[in-house]
Amino acid sequence: MIIKLEQDLSCADIEVIIKYGKDKENLQRIVKLLKSVDMQIKCDNDGIERMVNASDIYYIESVDKQIFVYLEKEVYHTDFRLYQLIEQLKKYGFVQISKSCILNIHYMDSIKPIFNSRMEATLKNGERVYINRNYLSEIKKALRGETSI
């Protein structure tokens, strides 16, 4: 992959042009990642509100009716519901992996089977999350790039 940066002072916004030939294996992943940079979620930590980029989110989890947003080293709380977040984020590479967890597949480092037809995903920051067997087909589709852009 060749990345070229070109400054044009007449541009009001960033423009990304992707040129590709026959090999477009990573094209959908690149487009999803680029689009996720503009998507933000309102979160808070100790009363301080912050807009968090979707591209920075590793996973989102519901614990005791509260929704937590996990970044590489930080954890935030949001008032959105899990079903609202999956609807907003699925086009950016997020998949539901259990009744209470949504995962950003771009931060998944490895995946391995464990007991009861479940899988354990290790993330790039070393954290581990568990994929329930009821959601295996969705994660497999996402890993094959079968989700829409």
C-alpha atoms as a PDB file:
ATOM      1  CA  MET A   1       0.000   0.000   0.000  1.00  0.00           C
ATOM      2  CA  ILE A   2       1.290   3.425  -0.948  1.00  0.00           C
ATOM      3  CA  ILE A   3       0.113   6.421   1.097  1.00  0.00           C
ATOM      4  CA  LYS A   4       0.538   9.893  -0.358  1.00  0.00           C
ATOM      5  CA  LEU A   5      -0.286  13.089   1.522  1.00  0.00           C
ATOM      6  CA  GLU A   6      -0.807  16.288  -0.426  1.00  0.00           C
ATOM      7  CA  GLN A   7      -1.657  19.651   1.103  1.00  0.00           C
ATOM      8  CA  ASP A   8      -4.114  21.829  -0.839  1.00  0.00           C
ATOM      9  CA  LEU A   9      -4.981  25.060   0.961  1.00  0.00           C
ATOM     10  CA  SER A  10      -8.063  25.535  -1.238  1.00  0.00           C
ATOM     11  CA  CYS A  11      -9.724  22.425   0.278  1.00  0.00           C
ATOM     12  CA  ALA A  12     -12.235  23.071   3.035  1.00  0.00           C
ATOM     13  CA  ASP A  13     -12.242  19.457   4.241  1.00  0.00           C
ATOM     14  CA  ILE A  14     -10.074  16.361   3.990  1.00  0.00           C
ATOM     15  CA  GLU A  15     -10.582  14.422   0.763  1.00  0.00           C
ATOM     16  CA  VAL A  16      -9.477  10.806   0.514  1.00  0.00           C
ATOM     17  CA  ILE A  17      -9.101   9.148  -2.883  1.00  0.00           C
ATOM     18  CA  ILE A  18      -8.385   5.426  -2.934  1.00  0.00           C
ATOM     19  CA  LYS A  19      -6.964   3.945  -6.117  1.00  0.00           C
ATOM     20  CA  TYR A  20      -6.920   0.195  -6.404  1.00  0.00           C
ATOM     21  CA  GLY A  21      -6.406  -2.434  -9.048  1.00  0.00           C
ATOM     22  CA  LYS A  22      -7.605  -6.000  -9.016  1.00  0.00           C
ATOM     23  CA  ASP A  23      -6.387  -6.657  -5.466  1.00  0.00           C
ATOM     24  CA  LYS A  24      -9.022  -5.114  -3.205  1.00  0.00           C
ATOM     25  CA  GLU A  25      -8.692  -7.505  -0.284  1.00  0.00           C
ATOM     26  CA  ASN A  26      -8.351  -4.785   2.370  1.00  0.00           C
ATOM     27  CA  LEU A  27     -10.442  -2.126   0.633  1.00  0.00           C
ATOM     28  CA  GLN A  28     -13.579  -2.533   2.760  1.00  0.00           C
ATOM     29  CA  ARG A  29     -11.561  -2.513   5.992  1.00  0.00           C
ATOM     30  CA  ILE A  30      -9.785   0.698   4.942  1.00  0.00           C
ATOM     31  CA  VAL A  31     -13.032   2.433   3.989  1.00  0.00           C
ATOM     32  CA  LYS A  32     -14.740   1.402   7.251  1.00  0.00           C
ATOM     33  CA  LEU A  33     -11.796   2.615   9.273  1.00  0.00           C
ATOM     34  CA  LEU A  34     -11.702   5.965   7.459  1.00  0.00           C
ATOM     35  CA  LYS A  35     -15.445   6.488   7.907  1.00  0.00           C
ATOM     36  CA  SER A  36     -15.257   5.602  11.595  1.00  0.00           C
ATOM     37  CA  VAL A  37     -12.908   8.531  12.244  1.00  0.00           C
ATOM     38  CA  ASP A  38     -15.812  10.956  11.699  1.00  0.00           C
ATOM     39  CA  MET A  39     -18.268   8.947  13.824  1.00  0.00           C
ATOM     40  CA  GLN A  40     -18.263  10.029  17.464  1.00  0.00           C
ATOM     41  CA  ILE A  41     -20.112   8.896  20.570  1.00  0.00           C
ATOM     42  CA  LYS A  42     -20.869  11.106  23.554  1.00  0.00           C
ATOM     43  CA  CYS A  43     -19.291   9.569  26.669  1.00  0.00           C
ATOM     44  CA  ASP A  44     -18.340  10.676  30.155  1.00  0.00           C
ATOM     45  CA  ASN A  45     -15.817   9.819  32.832  1.00  0.00           C
ATOM     46  CA  ASP A  46     -16.250  11.204  36.356  1.00  0.00           C
ATOM     47  CA  GLY A  47     -18.686  13.854  35.115  1.00  0.00           C
ATOM     48  CA  ILE A  48     -16.430  15.065  32.310  1.00  0.00           C
ATOM     49  CA  GLU A  49     -18.069  14.709  28.890  1.00  0.00           C
ATOM     50  CA  ARG A  50     -16.028  13.735  25.860  1.00  0.00           C
ATOM     51  CA  MET A  51     -16.752  12.865  22.259  1.00  0.00           C
ATOM     52  CA  VAL A  52     -15.032   9.542  21.516  1.00  0.00           C
ATOM     53  CA  ASN A  53     -14.141   8.571  17.950  1.00  0.00           C
ATOM     54  CA  ALA A  54     -15.556   5.206  16.914  1.00  0.00           C
ATOM     55  CA  SER A  55     -12.149   4.360  15.455  1.00  0.00           C
ATOM     56  CA  ASP A  56     -10.645   4.535  18.978  1.00  0.00           C
ATOM     57  CA  ILE A  57     -13.144   2.123  20.550  1.00  0.00           C
ATOM     58  CA  TYR A  58     -11.986  -1.443  21.171  1.00  0.00           C
ATOM     59  CA  TYR A  59     -15.305  -2.746  22.498  1.00  0.00           C
ATOM     60  CA  ILE A  60     -18.511  -1.691  24.239  1.00  0.00           C
ATOM     61  CA  GLU A  61     -20.030  -3.663  27.095  1.00  0.00           C
ATOM     62  CA  SER A  62     -23.219  -3.568  29.109  1.00  0.00           C
ATOM     63  CA  VAL A  63     -22.706  -4.264  32.826  1.00  0.00           C
ATOM     64  CA  ASP A  64     -25.560  -3.940  35.336  1.00  0.00           C
ATOM     65  CA  LYS A  65     -27.640  -1.846  32.876  1.00  0.00           C
ATOM     66  CA  GLN A  66     -24.762   0.590  32.333  1.00  0.00           C
ATOM     67  CA  ILE A  67     -22.904   0.882  29.029  1.00  0.00           C
ATOM     68  CA  PHE A  68     -19.120   1.123  29.131  1.00  0.00           C
ATOM     69  CA  VAL A  69     -16.925   2.133  26.193  1.00  0.00           C
ATOM     70  CA  TYR A  70     -13.429   0.628  26.253  1.00  0.00           C
ATOM     71  CA  LEU A  71     -10.539   2.328  24.495  1.00  0.00           C
ATOM     72  CA  GLU A  72      -6.921   1.180  24.506  1.00  0.00           C
ATOM     73  CA  LYS A  73      -6.256   2.383  28.068  1.00  0.00           C
ATOM     74  CA  GLU A  74      -9.398   4.264  29.125  1.00  0.00           C
ATOM     75  CA  VAL A  75     -12.972   3.330  30.004  1.00  0.00           C
ATOM     76  CA  TYR A  76     -15.925   5.676  29.568  1.00  0.00           C
ATOM     77  CA  HIS A  77     -19.633   5.515  30.297  1.00  0.00           C
ATOM     78  CA  THR A  78     -22.339   6.389  27.777  1.00  0.00           C
ATOM     79  CA  ASP A  79     -26.098   6.879  28.033  1.00  0.00           C
ATOM     80  CA  PHE A  80     -26.774   5.120  24.725  1.00  0.00           C
ATOM     81  CA  ARG A  81     -28.234   1.626  24.781  1.00  0.00           C
ATOM     82  CA  LEU A  82     -26.363  -1.319  23.281  1.00  0.00           C
ATOM     83  CA  TYR A  83     -28.928  -1.829  20.512  1.00  0.00           C
ATOM     84  CA  GLN A  84     -28.597   1.852  19.513  1.00  0.00           C
ATOM     85  CA  LEU A  85     -24.818   1.596  19.371  1.00  0.00           C
ATOM     86  CA  ILE A  86     -24.731  -1.567  17.263  1.00  0.00           C
ATOM     87  CA  GLU A  87     -27.092   0.050  14.750  1.00  0.00           C
ATOM     88  CA  GLN A  88     -24.851   3.122  14.517  1.00  0.00           C
ATOM     89  CA  LEU A  89     -21.526   1.280  14.512  1.00  0.00           C
ATOM     90  CA  LYS A  90     -22.015  -1.939  12.527  1.00  0.00           C
ATOM     91  CA  LYS A  91     -21.064  -0.239   9.268  1.00  0.00           C
ATOM     92  CA  TYR A  92     -17.687   0.695  10.817  1.00  0.00           C
ATOM     93  CA  GLY A  93     -16.549  -2.843  11.659  1.00  0.00           C
ATOM     94  CA  PHE A  94     -18.369  -3.403  14.949  1.00  0.00           C
ATOM     95  CA  VAL A  95     -20.110  -6.717  15.553  1.00  0.00           C
ATOM     96  CA  GLN A  96     -22.144  -8.016  18.445  1.00  0.00           C
ATOM     97  CA  ILE A  97     -20.288 -10.918  20.082  1.00  0.00           C
ATOM     98  CA  SER A  98     -22.596 -11.581  23.034  1.00  0.00           C
ATOM     99  CA  LYS A  99     -25.837 -10.306  24.491  1.00  0.00           C
ATOM    100  CA  SER A 100     -23.894  -7.629  26.342  1.00  0.00           C
ATOM    101  CA  CYS A 101     -20.847  -6.843  24.156  1.00  0.00           C
ATOM    102  CA  ILE A 102     -19.996  -5.197  20.815  1.00  0.00           C
ATOM    103  CA  LEU A 103     -16.485  -5.597  19.374  1.00  0.00           C
ATOM    104  CA  ASN A 104     -14.504  -3.471  16.918  1.00  0.00           C
ATOM    105  CA  ILE A 105     -12.956  -6.165  14.699  1.00  0.00           C
ATOM    106  CA  HIS A 106     -10.154  -3.790  13.672  1.00  0.00           C
ATOM    107  CA  TYR A 107      -8.627  -4.225  17.140  1.00  0.00           C
ATOM    108  CA  MET A 108      -8.886  -7.995  17.242  1.00  0.00           C
ATOM    109  CA  ASP A 109      -5.417  -9.546  17.334  1.00  0.00           C
ATOM    110  CA  SER A 110      -6.293 -13.240  17.526  1.00  0.00           C
ATOM    111  CA  ILE A 111      -9.179 -15.584  18.098  1.00  0.00           C
ATOM    112  CA  LYS A 112      -9.224 -19.104  19.501  1.00  0.00           C
ATOM    113  CA  PRO A 113     -11.889 -21.664  20.390  1.00  0.00           C
ATOM    114  CA  ILE A 114     -12.641 -22.432  24.020  1.00  0.00           C
ATOM    115  CA  PHE A 115     -15.232 -24.643  25.742  1.00  0.00           C
ATOM    116  CA  ASN A 116     -18.981 -24.754  24.920  1.00  0.00           C
ATOM    117  CA  SER A 117     -18.515 -23.648  21.288  1.00  0.00           C
ATOM    118  CA  ARG A 118     -17.371 -20.223  22.436  1.00  0.00           C
ATOM    119  CA  MET A 119     -14.376 -18.277  21.203  1.00  0.00           C
ATOM    120  CA  GLU A 120     -11.923 -16.045  22.972  1.00  0.00           C
ATOM    121  CA  ALA A 121     -10.739 -12.949  21.139  1.00  0.00           C
ATOM    122  CA  THR A 122      -7.507 -11.281  22.209  1.00  0.00           C
ATOM    123  CA  LEU A 123      -7.389  -7.592  21.384  1.00  0.00           C
ATOM    124  CA  LYS A 124      -4.360  -5.552  20.346  1.00  0.00           C
ATOM    125  CA  ASN A 125      -4.102  -4.082  23.855  1.00  0.00           C
ATOM    126  CA  GLY A 126      -3.974  -7.584  25.406  1.00  0.00           C
ATOM    127  CA  GLU A 127      -7.535  -7.642  26.733  1.00  0.00           C
ATOM    128  CA  ARG A 128      -9.672 -10.702  26.131  1.00  0.00           C
ATOM    129  CA  VAL A 129     -13.365 -10.839  25.303  1.00  0.00           C
ATOM    130  CA  TYR A 130     -15.579 -13.856  24.770  1.00  0.00           C
ATOM    131  CA  ILE A 131     -17.670 -14.549  21.705  1.00  0.00           C
ATOM    132  CA  ASN A 132     -20.899 -16.408  22.395  1.00  0.00           C
ATOM    133  CA  ARG A 133     -21.716 -19.218  19.943  1.00  0.00           C
ATOM    134  CA  ASN A 134     -24.984 -17.498  18.967  1.00  0.00           C
ATOM    135  CA  TYR A 135     -22.940 -14.665  17.447  1.00  0.00           C
ATOM    136  CA  LEU A 136     -20.215 -16.712  15.732  1.00  0.00           C
ATOM    137  CA  SER A 137     -21.756 -16.393  12.277  1.00  0.00           C
ATOM    138  CA  GLU A 138     -21.761 -12.589  12.511  1.00  0.00           C
ATOM    139  CA  ILE A 139     -18.104 -12.416  13.505  1.00  0.00           C
ATOM    140  CA  LYS A 140     -17.161 -14.858  10.746  1.00  0.00           C
ATOM    141  CA  LYS A 141     -18.967 -12.678   8.187  1.00  0.00           C
ATOM    142  CA  ALA A 142     -17.214  -9.576   9.488  1.00  0.00           C
ATOM    143  CA  LEU A 143     -13.807 -11.260   9.349  1.00  0.00           C
ATOM    144  CA  ARG A 144     -14.458 -12.315   5.740  1.00  0.00           C
ATOM    145  CA  GLY A 145     -15.432  -8.731   4.936  1.00  0.00           C
ATOM    146  CA  GLU A 146     -19.017  -9.614   4.063  1.00  0.00           C
ATOM    147  CA  THR A 147     -20.552  -6.641   5.823  1.00  0.00           C
ATOM    148  CA  SER A 148     -21.634  -3.662   3.745  1.00  0.00           C
ATOM    149  CA  ILE A 149     -19.582  -0.472   3.499  1.00  0.00           C
END
